[in-house]
Amino acid sequence: KLIIVDEATVSIDFKMDNLIQTTIREEFKDTTVITIVHRLRTFADYNRILIIDDGNIVEFDIPYLLMQKFDGLFRELCKKSSDFAKLIEIAKQKYKSILVTDPFF
């Protein structure tokens, strides 16, 4: 199963964005979800993220690991946000759960 979501929450407030993201995570647990987003908080707890810059794939990994790359684009984007500490905490919690549950890691 596959769901592709393109900027589904771009024009709504953070509260509604959170509600939609929670619903997607709960209702589609066994589904691959590809999400095109600009809000970093939306995907800080995803299993893997793909960063595209100027049409080129520049990074692909677990968000927490990408945040550890000091010269990485994803880290740079996160640092520019006012939520860096929160983003890294969200990503770290997901990383810990991946270590326990992901058979491919």
PDB file of N, CA and C in Angstrom:
ATOM      1  N   LYS A   1       0.831  -1.174   0.000  1.00  0.00           N
ATOM      2  CA  LYS A   1       0.000   0.000   0.000  1.00  0.00           C
ATOM      3  C   LYS A   1       0.879   1.240   0.000  1.00  0.00           C
ATOM      4  N   LEU A   2       0.428   2.241  -0.723  1.00  0.00           N
ATOM      5  CA  LEU A   2       1.182   3.476  -0.863  1.00  0.00           C
ATOM      6  C   LEU A   2       0.236   4.670  -0.870  1.00  0.00           C
ATOM      7  N   ILE A   3       0.602   5.699  -0.113  1.00  0.00           N
ATOM      8  CA  ILE A   3      -0.134   6.965  -0.124  1.00  0.00           C
ATOM      9  C   ILE A   3       0.874   8.061  -0.440  1.00  0.00           C
ATOM     10  N   ILE A   4       0.526   8.928  -1.380  1.00  0.00           N
ATOM     11  CA  ILE A   4       1.352  10.088  -1.697  1.00  0.00           C
ATOM     12  C   ILE A   4       0.565  11.331  -1.313  1.00  0.00           C
ATOM     13  N   VAL A   5       1.161  12.150  -0.464  1.00  0.00           N
ATOM     14  CA  VAL A   5       0.510  13.360   0.032  1.00  0.00           C
ATOM     15  C   VAL A   5       1.384  14.550  -0.364  1.00  0.00           C
ATOM     16  N   ASP A   6       0.831  15.457  -1.153  1.00  0.00           N
ATOM     17  CA  ASP A   6       1.591  16.608  -1.637  1.00  0.00           C
ATOM     18  C   ASP A   6       1.099  17.883  -0.966  1.00  0.00           C
ATOM     19  N   GLU A   7       1.870  18.367   0.010  1.00  0.00           N
ATOM     20  CA  GLU A   7       1.555  19.621   0.700  1.00  0.00           C
ATOM     21  C   GLU A   7       0.123  19.661   1.228  1.00  0.00           C
ATOM     22  N   ALA A   8      -0.322  18.568   1.810  1.00  0.00           N
ATOM     23  CA  ALA A   8      -1.709  18.462   2.276  1.00  0.00           C
ATOM     24  C   ALA A   8      -2.045  19.457   3.380  1.00  0.00           C
ATOM     25  N   THR A   9      -1.044  19.904   4.107  1.00  0.00           N
ATOM     26  CA  THR A   9      -1.326  20.772   5.255  1.00  0.00           C
ATOM     27  C   THR A   9      -0.711  22.161   5.112  1.00  0.00           C
ATOM     28  N   VAL A  10      -0.354  22.544   3.919  1.00  0.00           N
ATOM     29  CA  VAL A  10       0.361  23.808   3.711  1.00  0.00           C
ATOM     30  C   VAL A  10      -0.452  25.041   4.104  1.00  0.00           C
ATOM     31  N   SER A  11      -1.751  25.013   3.944  1.00  0.00           N
ATOM     32  CA  SER A  11      -2.570  26.210   4.180  1.00  0.00           C
ATOM     33  C   SER A  11      -3.371  26.164   5.478  1.00  0.00           C
ATOM     34  N   ILE A  12      -2.951  25.325   6.415  1.00  0.00           N
ATOM     35  CA  ILE A  12      -3.694  25.223   7.669  1.00  0.00           C
ATOM     36  C   ILE A  12      -2.778  25.517   8.852  1.00  0.00           C
ATOM     37  N   ASP A  13      -3.376  25.739  10.005  1.00  0.00           N
ATOM     38  CA  ASP A  13      -2.578  26.059  11.184  1.00  0.00           C
ATOM     39  C   ASP A  13      -1.913  24.801  11.748  1.00  0.00           C
ATOM     40  N   PHE A  14      -0.985  24.996  12.678  1.00  0.00           N
ATOM     41  CA  PHE A  14      -0.213  23.882  13.231  1.00  0.00           C
ATOM     42  C   PHE A  14      -1.080  22.872  13.978  1.00  0.00           C
ATOM     43  N   LYS A  15      -2.129  23.343  14.631  1.00  0.00           N
ATOM     44  CA  LYS A  15      -3.008  22.432  15.370  1.00  0.00           C
ATOM     45  C   LYS A  15      -3.692  21.455  14.416  1.00  0.00           C
ATOM     46  N   MET A  16      -4.235  21.969  13.321  1.00  0.00           N
ATOM     47  CA  MET A  16      -4.895  21.108  12.341  1.00  0.00           C
ATOM     48  C   MET A  16      -3.872  20.228  11.623  1.00  0.00           C
ATOM     49  N   ASP A  17      -2.689  20.776  11.347  1.00  0.00           N
ATOM     50  CA  ASP A  17      -1.616  19.994  10.735  1.00  0.00           C
ATOM     51  C   ASP A  17      -1.286  18.791  11.609  1.00  0.00           C
ATOM     52  N   ASN A  18      -1.156  19.022  12.900  1.00  0.00           N
ATOM     53  CA  ASN A  18      -0.852  17.946  13.838  1.00  0.00           C
ATOM     54  C   ASN A  18      -1.954  16.890  13.851  1.00  0.00           C
ATOM     55  N   LEU A  19      -3.197  17.325  13.810  1.00  0.00           N
ATOM     56  CA  LEU A  19      -4.325  16.394  13.783  1.00  0.00           C
ATOM     57  C   LEU A  19      -4.285  15.521  12.529  1.00  0.00           C
ATOM     58  N   ILE A  20      -4.033  16.128  11.390  1.00  0.00           N
ATOM     59  CA  ILE A  20      -3.965  15.371  10.131  1.00  0.00           C
ATOM     60  C   ILE A  20      -2.790  14.402  10.156  1.00  0.00           C
ATOM     61  N   GLN A  21      -1.623  14.857  10.612  1.00  0.00           N
ATOM     62  CA  GLN A  21      -0.448  13.983  10.665  1.00  0.00           C
ATOM     63  C   GLN A  21      -0.669  12.812  11.622  1.00  0.00           C
ATOM     64  N   THR A  22      -1.291  13.069  12.746  1.00  0.00           N
ATOM     65  CA  THR A  22      -1.601  12.000  13.703  1.00  0.00           C
ATOM     66  C   THR A  22      -2.554  10.987  13.082  1.00  0.00           C
ATOM     67  N   THR A  23      -3.559  11.467  12.389  1.00  0.00           N
ATOM     68  CA  THR A  23      -4.519  10.578  11.729  1.00  0.00           C
ATOM     69  C   THR A  23      -3.827   9.711  10.688  1.00  0.00           C
ATOM     70  N   ILE A  24      -2.962  10.305   9.877  1.00  0.00           N
ATOM     71  CA  ILE A  24      -2.229   9.534   8.863  1.00  0.00           C
ATOM     72  C   ILE A  24      -1.390   8.457   9.536  1.00  0.00           C
ATOM     73  N   ARG A  25      -0.680   8.815  10.601  1.00  0.00           N
ATOM     74  CA  ARG A  25       0.182   7.843  11.289  1.00  0.00           C
ATOM     75  C   ARG A  25      -0.625   6.699  11.919  1.00  0.00           C
ATOM     76  N   GLU A  26      -1.785   7.012  12.469  1.00  0.00           N
ATOM     77  CA  GLU A  26      -2.588   5.986  13.139  1.00  0.00           C
ATOM     78  C   GLU A  26      -3.379   5.123  12.160  1.00  0.00           C
ATOM     79  N   GLU A  27      -3.960   5.726  11.163  1.00  0.00           N
ATOM     80  CA  GLU A  27      -4.838   4.997  10.244  1.00  0.00           C
ATOM     81  C   GLU A  27      -4.087   4.254   9.141  1.00  0.00           C
ATOM     82  N   PHE A  28      -2.851   4.646   8.877  1.00  0.00           N
ATOM     83  CA  PHE A  28      -2.093   4.033   7.785  1.00  0.00           C
ATOM     84  C   PHE A  28      -0.757   3.486   8.279  1.00  0.00           C
ATOM     85  N   LYS A  29      -0.778   2.813   9.424  1.00  0.00           N
ATOM     86  CA  LYS A  29       0.440   2.272  10.029  1.00  0.00           C
ATOM     87  C   LYS A  29       1.188   1.320   9.109  1.00  0.00           C
ATOM     88  N   ASP A  30       0.463   0.508   8.366  1.00  0.00           N
ATOM     89  CA  ASP A  30       1.081  -0.505   7.516  1.00  0.00           C
ATOM     90  C   ASP A  30       1.159  -0.061   6.061  1.00  0.00           C
ATOM     91  N   THR A  31       1.274   1.230   5.856  1.00  0.00           N
ATOM     92  CA  THR A  31       1.290   1.797   4.519  1.00  0.00           C
ATOM     93  C   THR A  31       2.526   2.670   4.359  1.00  0.00           C
ATOM     94  N   THR A  32       3.147   2.599   3.190  1.00  0.00           N
ATOM     95  CA  THR A  32       4.232   3.515   2.883  1.00  0.00           C
ATOM     96  C   THR A  32       3.615   4.868   2.557  1.00  0.00           C
ATOM     97  N   VAL A  33       4.065   5.895   3.252  1.00  0.00           N
ATOM     98  CA  VAL A  33       3.543   7.246   3.038  1.00  0.00           C
ATOM     99  C   VAL A  33       4.673   8.111   2.488  1.00  0.00           C
ATOM    100  N   ILE A  34       4.456   8.652   1.312  1.00  0.00           N
ATOM    101  CA  ILE A  34       5.389   9.613   0.727  1.00  0.00           C
ATOM    102  C   ILE A  34       4.739  10.976   0.879  1.00  0.00           C
ATOM    103  N   THR A  35       5.408  11.862   1.590  1.00  0.00           N
ATOM    104  CA  THR A  35       4.846  13.174   1.893  1.00  0.00           C
ATOM    105  C   THR A  35       5.765  14.268   1.370  1.00  0.00           C
ATOM    106  N   ILE A  36       5.213  15.165   0.605  1.00  0.00           N
ATOM    107  CA  ILE A  36       5.953  16.334   0.144  1.00  0.00           C
ATOM    108  C   ILE A  36       5.577  17.474   1.084  1.00  0.00           C
ATOM    109  N   VAL A  37       6.570  17.981   1.822  1.00  0.00           N
ATOM    110  CA  VAL A  37       6.288  18.999   2.837  1.00  0.00           C
ATOM    111  C   VAL A  37       7.378  20.062   2.869  1.00  0.00           C
ATOM    112  N   HIS A  38       7.041  21.161   3.508  1.00  0.00           N
ATOM    113  CA  HIS A  38       8.021  22.198   3.800  1.00  0.00           C
ATOM    114  C   HIS A  38       8.148  22.432   5.303  1.00  0.00           C
ATOM    115  N   ARG A  39       7.149  22.037   6.063  1.00  0.00           N
ATOM    116  CA  ARG A  39       7.214  22.185   7.521  1.00  0.00           C
ATOM    117  C   ARG A  39       8.074  21.063   8.095  1.00  0.00           C
ATOM    118  N   LEU A  40       9.191  21.419   8.673  1.00  0.00           N
ATOM    119  CA  LEU A  40      10.126  20.415   9.179  1.00  0.00           C
ATOM    120  C   LEU A  40       9.520  19.546  10.263  1.00  0.00           C
ATOM    121  N   ARG A  41       8.684  20.120  11.095  1.00  0.00           N
ATOM    122  CA  ARG A  41       8.097  19.360  12.191  1.00  0.00           C
ATOM    123  C   ARG A  41       7.207  18.226  11.671  1.00  0.00           C
ATOM    124  N   THR A  42       6.661  18.405  10.476  1.00  0.00           N
ATOM    125  CA  THR A  42       5.775  17.393   9.901  1.00  0.00           C
ATOM    126  C   THR A  42       6.478  16.057   9.747  1.00  0.00           C
ATOM    127  N   PHE A  43       7.746  16.066   9.382  1.00  0.00           N
ATOM    128  CA  PHE A  43       8.410  14.790   9.101  1.00  0.00           C
ATOM    129  C   PHE A  43       9.632  14.510   9.968  1.00  0.00           C
ATOM    130  N   ALA A  44       9.802  15.207  11.056  1.00  0.00           N
ATOM    131  CA  ALA A  44      10.939  14.953  11.947  1.00  0.00           C
ATOM    132  C   ALA A  44      10.894  13.545  12.532  1.00  0.00           C
ATOM    133  N   ASP A  45       9.699  12.948  12.601  1.00  0.00           N
ATOM    134  CA  ASP A  45       9.595  11.595  13.165  1.00  0.00           C
ATOM    135  C   ASP A  45       9.292  10.533  12.106  1.00  0.00           C
ATOM    136  N   TYR A  46       9.589  10.833  10.855  1.00  0.00           N
ATOM    137  CA  TYR A  46       9.433   9.817   9.808  1.00  0.00           C
ATOM    138  C   TYR A  46      10.581   8.811   9.900  1.00  0.00           C
ATOM    139  N   ASN A  47      10.379   7.627   9.343  1.00  0.00           N
ATOM    140  CA  ASN A  47      11.434   6.607   9.350  1.00  0.00           C
ATOM    141  C   ASN A  47      12.627   7.022   8.498  1.00  0.00           C
ATOM    142  N   ARG A  48      12.357   7.554   7.333  1.00  0.00           N
ATOM    143  CA  ARG A  48      13.400   8.001   6.415  1.00  0.00           C
ATOM    144  C   ARG A  48      12.896   9.261   5.719  1.00  0.00           C
ATOM    145  N   ILE A  49      13.827  10.133   5.365  1.00  0.00           N
ATOM    146  CA  ILE A  49      13.448  11.285   4.559  1.00  0.00           C
ATOM    147  C   ILE A  49      14.431  11.440   3.404  1.00  0.00           C
ATOM    148  N   LEU A  50      13.912  11.982   2.337  1.00  0.00           N
ATOM    149  CA  LEU A  50      14.685  12.230   1.125  1.00  0.00           C
ATOM    150  C   LEU A  50      14.697  13.739   0.919  1.00  0.00           C
ATOM    151  N   ILE A  51      15.879  14.312   0.837  1.00  0.00           N
ATOM    152  CA  ILE A  51      16.018  15.754   0.645  1.00  0.00           C
ATOM    153  C   ILE A  51      16.404  16.002  -0.807  1.00  0.00           C
ATOM    154  N   ILE A  52      15.599  16.826  -1.474  1.00  0.00           N
ATOM    155  CA  ILE A  52      15.856  17.184  -2.866  1.00  0.00           C
ATOM    156  C   ILE A  52      16.173  18.669  -2.911  1.00  0.00           C
ATOM    157  N   ASP A  53      17.251  19.019  -3.588  1.00  0.00           N
ATOM    158  CA  ASP A  53      17.642  20.416  -3.746  1.00  0.00           C
ATOM    159  C   ASP A  53      17.883  20.684  -5.222  1.00  0.00           C
ATOM    160  N   ASP A  54      17.150  21.623  -5.766  1.00  0.00           N
ATOM    161  CA  ASP A  54      17.284  21.996  -7.173  1.00  0.00           C
ATOM    162  C   ASP A  54      17.121  20.780  -8.090  1.00  0.00           C
ATOM    163  N   GLY A  55      16.179  19.907  -7.720  1.00  0.00           N
ATOM    164  CA  GLY A  55      15.874  18.740  -8.537  1.00  0.00           C
ATOM    165  C   GLY A  55      16.798  17.549  -8.350  1.00  0.00           C
ATOM    166  N   ASN A  56      17.763  17.659  -7.454  1.00  0.00           N
ATOM    167  CA  ASN A  56      18.720  16.575  -7.215  1.00  0.00           C
ATOM    168  C   ASN A  56      18.560  16.010  -5.808  1.00  0.00           C
ATOM    169  N   ILE A  57      18.663  14.692  -5.705  1.00  0.00           N
ATOM    170  CA  ILE A  57      18.649  14.051  -4.387  1.00  0.00           C
ATOM    171  C   ILE A  57      19.987  14.347  -3.722  1.00  0.00           C
ATOM    172  N   VAL A  58      19.934  14.982  -2.553  1.00  0.00           N
ATOM    173  CA  VAL A  58      21.174  15.332  -1.861  1.00  0.00           C
ATOM    174  C   VAL A  58      21.356  14.581  -0.543  1.00  0.00           C
ATOM    175  N   GLU A  59      20.259  14.112   0.045  1.00  0.00           N
ATOM    176  CA  GLU A  59      20.357  13.364   1.297  1.00  0.00           C
ATOM    177  C   GLU A  59      19.198  12.383   1.401  1.00  0.00           C
ATOM    178  N   PHE A  60      19.479  11.239   2.025  1.00  0.00           N
ATOM    179  CA  PHE A  60      18.438  10.251   2.306  1.00  0.00           C
ATOM    180  C   PHE A  60      18.876   9.457   3.521  1.00  0.00           C
ATOM    181  N   ASP A  61      18.090   9.528   4.586  1.00  0.00           N
ATOM    182  CA  ASP A  61      18.430   8.772   5.794  1.00  0.00           C
ATOM    183  C   ASP A  61      17.345   9.005   6.850  1.00  0.00           C
ATOM    184  N   ILE A  62      17.600   8.484   8.019  1.00  0.00           N
ATOM    185  CA  ILE A  62      16.762   8.719   9.187  1.00  0.00           C
ATOM    186  C   ILE A  62      16.970  10.180   9.597  1.00  0.00           C
ATOM    187  N   PRO A  63      15.899  10.926   9.880  1.00  0.00           N
ATOM    188  CA  PRO A  63      16.056  12.343  10.215  1.00  0.00           C
ATOM    189  C   PRO A  63      17.107  12.629  11.294  1.00  0.00           C
ATOM    190  N   TYR A  64      17.131  11.840  12.348  1.00  0.00           N
ATOM    191  CA  TYR A  64      18.096  12.088  13.424  1.00  0.00           C
ATOM    192  C   TYR A  64      19.531  11.976  12.924  1.00  0.00           C
ATOM    193  N   LEU A  65      19.796  10.989  12.069  1.00  0.00           N
ATOM    194  CA  LEU A  65      21.150  10.836  11.532  1.00  0.00           C
ATOM    195  C   LEU A  65      21.509  11.997  10.614  1.00  0.00           C
ATOM    196  N   LEU A  66      20.541  12.470   9.842  1.00  0.00           N
ATOM    197  CA  LEU A  66      20.803  13.634   8.988  1.00  0.00           C
ATOM    198  C   LEU A  66      21.093  14.876   9.822  1.00  0.00           C
ATOM    199  N   MET A  67      20.461  14.988  10.968  1.00  0.00           N
ATOM    200  CA  MET A  67      20.710  16.138  11.843  1.00  0.00           C
ATOM    201  C   MET A  67      22.111  16.106  12.442  1.00  0.00           C
ATOM    202  N   GLN A  68      22.752  14.945  12.432  1.00  0.00           N
ATOM    203  CA  GLN A  68      24.102  14.810  12.968  1.00  0.00           C
ATOM    204  C   GLN A  68      25.173  15.192  11.949  1.00  0.00           C
ATOM    205  N   LYS A  69      24.790  15.321  10.676  1.00  0.00           N
ATOM    206  CA  LYS A  69      25.739  15.704   9.622  1.00  0.00           C
ATOM    207  C   LYS A  69      25.945  17.216   9.673  1.00  0.00           C
ATOM    208  N   PHE A  70      27.088  17.638  10.165  1.00  0.00           N
ATOM    209  CA  PHE A  70      27.314  19.064  10.371  1.00  0.00           C
ATOM    210  C   PHE A  70      27.324  19.865   9.074  1.00  0.00           C
ATOM    211  N   ASP A  71      27.614  19.232   7.948  1.00  0.00           N
ATOM    212  CA  ASP A  71      27.605  19.935   6.664  1.00  0.00           C
ATOM    213  C   ASP A  71      26.363  19.596   5.835  1.00  0.00           C
ATOM    214  N   GLY A  72      25.368  18.976   6.452  1.00  0.00           N
ATOM    215  CA  GLY A  72      24.184  18.524   5.729  1.00  0.00           C
ATOM    216  C   GLY A  72      23.139  19.612   5.516  1.00  0.00           C
ATOM    217  N   LEU A  73      22.418  19.496   4.428  1.00  0.00           N
ATOM    218  CA  LEU A  73      21.365  20.448   4.099  1.00  0.00           C
ATOM    219  C   LEU A  73      20.197  20.347   5.079  1.00  0.00           C
ATOM    220  N   PHE A  74      19.799  19.122   5.433  1.00  0.00           N
ATOM    221  CA  PHE A  74      18.684  18.968   6.360  1.00  0.00           C
ATOM    222  C   PHE A  74      19.004  19.612   7.706  1.00  0.00           C
ATOM    223  N   ARG A  75      20.205  19.375   8.207  1.00  0.00           N
ATOM    224  CA  ARG A  75      20.613  20.001   9.476  1.00  0.00           C
ATOM    225  C   ARG A  75      20.575  21.523   9.356  1.00  0.00           C
ATOM    226  N   GLU A  76      21.066  22.037   8.233  1.00  0.00           N
ATOM    227  CA  GLU A  76      21.071  23.484   8.011  1.00  0.00           C
ATOM    228  C   GLU A  76      19.649  24.045   8.045  1.00  0.00           C
ATOM    229  N   LEU A  77      18.725  23.357   7.385  1.00  0.00           N
ATOM    230  CA  LEU A  77      17.327  23.794   7.386  1.00  0.00           C
ATOM    231  C   LEU A  77      16.742  23.765   8.796  1.00  0.00           C
ATOM    232  N   CYS A  78      17.042  22.701   9.524  1.00  0.00           N
ATOM    233  CA  CYS A  78      16.538  22.579  10.900  1.00  0.00           C
ATOM    234  C   CYS A  78      17.111  23.665  11.799  1.00  0.00           C
ATOM    235  N   LYS A  79      18.398  23.963  11.638  1.00  0.00           N
ATOM    236  CA  LYS A  79      19.044  24.990  12.459  1.00  0.00           C
ATOM    237  C   LYS A  79      18.430  26.362  12.205  1.00  0.00           C
ATOM    238  N   LYS A  80      17.971  26.605  10.981  1.00  0.00           N
ATOM    239  CA  LYS A  80      17.364  27.894  10.642  1.00  0.00           C
ATOM    240  C   LYS A  80      15.985  28.057  11.278  1.00  0.00           C
ATOM    241  N   SER A  81      15.375  26.944  11.638  1.00  0.00           N
ATOM    242  CA  SER A  81      14.053  27.038  12.257  1.00  0.00           C
ATOM    243  C   SER A  81      14.219  27.409  13.729  1.00  0.00           C
ATOM    244  N   SER A  82      13.182  27.939  14.301  1.00  0.00           N
ATOM    245  CA  SER A  82      13.239  28.289  15.723  1.00  0.00           C
ATOM    246  C   SER A  82      12.993  27.072  16.612  1.00  0.00           C
ATOM    247  N   ASP A  83      12.715  25.933  15.987  1.00  0.00           N
ATOM    248  CA  ASP A  83      12.368  24.714  16.727  1.00  0.00           C
ATOM    249  C   ASP A  83      13.469  23.653  16.716  1.00  0.00           C
ATOM    250  N   PHE A  84      14.732  24.024  16.495  1.00  0.00           N
ATOM    251  CA  PHE A  84      15.774  23.017  16.327  1.00  0.00           C
ATOM    252  C   PHE A  84      15.835  22.037  17.495  1.00  0.00           C
ATOM    253  N   ALA A  85      15.811  22.529  18.712  1.00  0.00           N
ATOM    254  CA  ALA A  85      15.889  21.639  19.882  1.00  0.00           C
ATOM    255  C   ALA A  85      14.716  20.665  19.900  1.00  0.00           C
ATOM    256  N   LYS A  86      13.528  21.142  19.590  1.00  0.00           N
ATOM    257  CA  LYS A  86      12.341  20.283  19.561  1.00  0.00           C
ATOM    258  C   LYS A  86      12.438  19.277  18.417  1.00  0.00           C
ATOM    259  N   LEU A  87      12.887  19.733  17.246  1.00  0.00           N
ATOM    260  CA  LEU A  87      13.019  18.841  16.090  1.00  0.00           C
ATOM    261  C   LEU A  87      13.998  17.710  16.375  1.00  0.00           C
ATOM    262  N   ILE A  88      15.126  18.041  16.969  1.00  0.00           N
ATOM    263  CA  ILE A  88      16.124  17.008  17.243  1.00  0.00           C
ATOM    264  C   ILE A  88      15.621  16.026  18.299  1.00  0.00           C
ATOM    265  N   GLU A  89      14.846  16.501  19.263  1.00  0.00           N
ATOM    266  CA  GLU A  89      14.279  15.606  20.276  1.00  0.00           C
ATOM    267  C   GLU A  89      13.257  14.659  19.652  1.00  0.00           C
ATOM    268  N   ILE A  90      12.396  15.180  18.786  1.00  0.00           N
ATOM    269  CA  ILE A  90      11.411  14.342  18.084  1.00  0.00           C
ATOM    270  C   ILE A  90      12.133  13.296  17.245  1.00  0.00           C
ATOM    271  N   ALA A  91      13.137  13.736  16.498  1.00  0.00           N
ATOM    272  CA  ALA A  91      13.883  12.828  15.623  1.00  0.00           C
ATOM    273  C   ALA A  91      14.649  11.778  16.428  1.00  0.00           C
ATOM    274  N   LYS A  92      15.190  12.167  17.562  1.00  0.00           N
ATOM    275  CA  LYS A  92      15.944  11.232  18.410  1.00  0.00           C
ATOM    276  C   LYS A  92      15.032  10.137  18.957  1.00  0.00           C
ATOM    277  N   GLN A  93      13.842  10.505  19.396  1.00  0.00           N
ATOM    278  CA  GLN A  93      12.894   9.512  19.904  1.00  0.00           C
ATOM    279  C   GLN A  93      12.521   8.514  18.810  1.00  0.00           C
ATOM    280  N   LYS A  94      12.297   9.015  17.604  1.00  0.00           N
ATOM    281  CA  LYS A  94      11.964   8.122  16.488  1.00  0.00           C
ATOM    282  C   LYS A  94      13.144   7.211  16.179  1.00  0.00           C
ATOM    283  N   TYR A  95      14.347   7.757  16.186  1.00  0.00           N
ATOM    284  CA  TYR A  95      15.556   6.979  15.925  1.00  0.00           C
ATOM    285  C   TYR A  95      15.677   5.826  16.914  1.00  0.00           C
ATOM    286  N   LYS A  96      15.440   6.101  18.175  1.00  0.00           N
ATOM    287  CA  LYS A  96      15.503   5.046  19.195  1.00  0.00           C
ATOM    288  C   LYS A  96      14.476   3.950  18.918  1.00  0.00           C
ATOM    289  N   SER A  97      13.286   4.333  18.487  1.00  0.00           N
ATOM    290  CA  SER A  97      12.265   3.320  18.198  1.00  0.00           C
ATOM    291  C   SER A  97      12.618   2.523  16.950  1.00  0.00           C
ATOM    292  N   ILE A  98      13.271   3.160  15.980  1.00  0.00           N
ATOM    293  CA  ILE A  98      13.691   2.457  14.765  1.00  0.00           C
ATOM    294  C   ILE A  98      14.737   1.405  15.109  1.00  0.00           C
ATOM    295  N   LEU A  99      15.651   1.738  16.001  1.00  0.00           N
ATOM    296  CA  LEU A  99      16.685   0.780  16.397  1.00  0.00           C
ATOM    297  C   LEU A  99      16.074  -0.501  16.946  1.00  0.00           C
ATOM    298  N   VAL A 100      14.941  -0.374  17.600  1.00  0.00           N
ATOM    299  CA  VAL A 100      14.280  -1.516  18.227  1.00  0.00           C
ATOM    300  C   VAL A 100      13.369  -2.255  17.256  1.00  0.00           C
ATOM    301  N   THR A 101      12.705  -1.536  16.350  1.00  0.00           N
ATOM    302  CA  THR A 101      11.634  -2.150  15.562  1.00  0.00           C
ATOM    303  C   THR A 101      11.918  -2.358  14.082  1.00  0.00           C
ATOM    304  N   ASP A 102      12.895  -1.679  13.505  1.00  0.00           N
ATOM    305  CA  ASP A 102      13.115  -1.742  12.058  1.00  0.00           C
ATOM    306  C   ASP A 102      14.051  -2.899  11.704  1.00  0.00           C
ATOM    307  N   PRO A 103      13.561  -3.921  11.002  1.00  0.00           N
ATOM    308  CA  PRO A 103      14.400  -5.068  10.667  1.00  0.00           C
ATOM    309  C   PRO A 103      15.492  -4.735   9.650  1.00  0.00           C
ATOM    310  N   PHE A 104      15.396  -3.598   8.985  1.00  0.00           N
ATOM    311  CA  PHE A 104      16.376  -3.220   7.972  1.00  0.00           C
ATOM    312  C   PHE A 104      17.492  -2.351   8.524  1.00  0.00           C
ATOM    313  N   PHE A 105      17.424  -2.046   9.821  1.00  0.00           N
ATOM    314  CA  PHE A 105      18.428  -1.154  10.392  1.00  0.00           C
ATOM    315  C   PHE A 105      19.480  -1.937  11.122  1.00  0.00           C
TER     316      PHE A 105
END
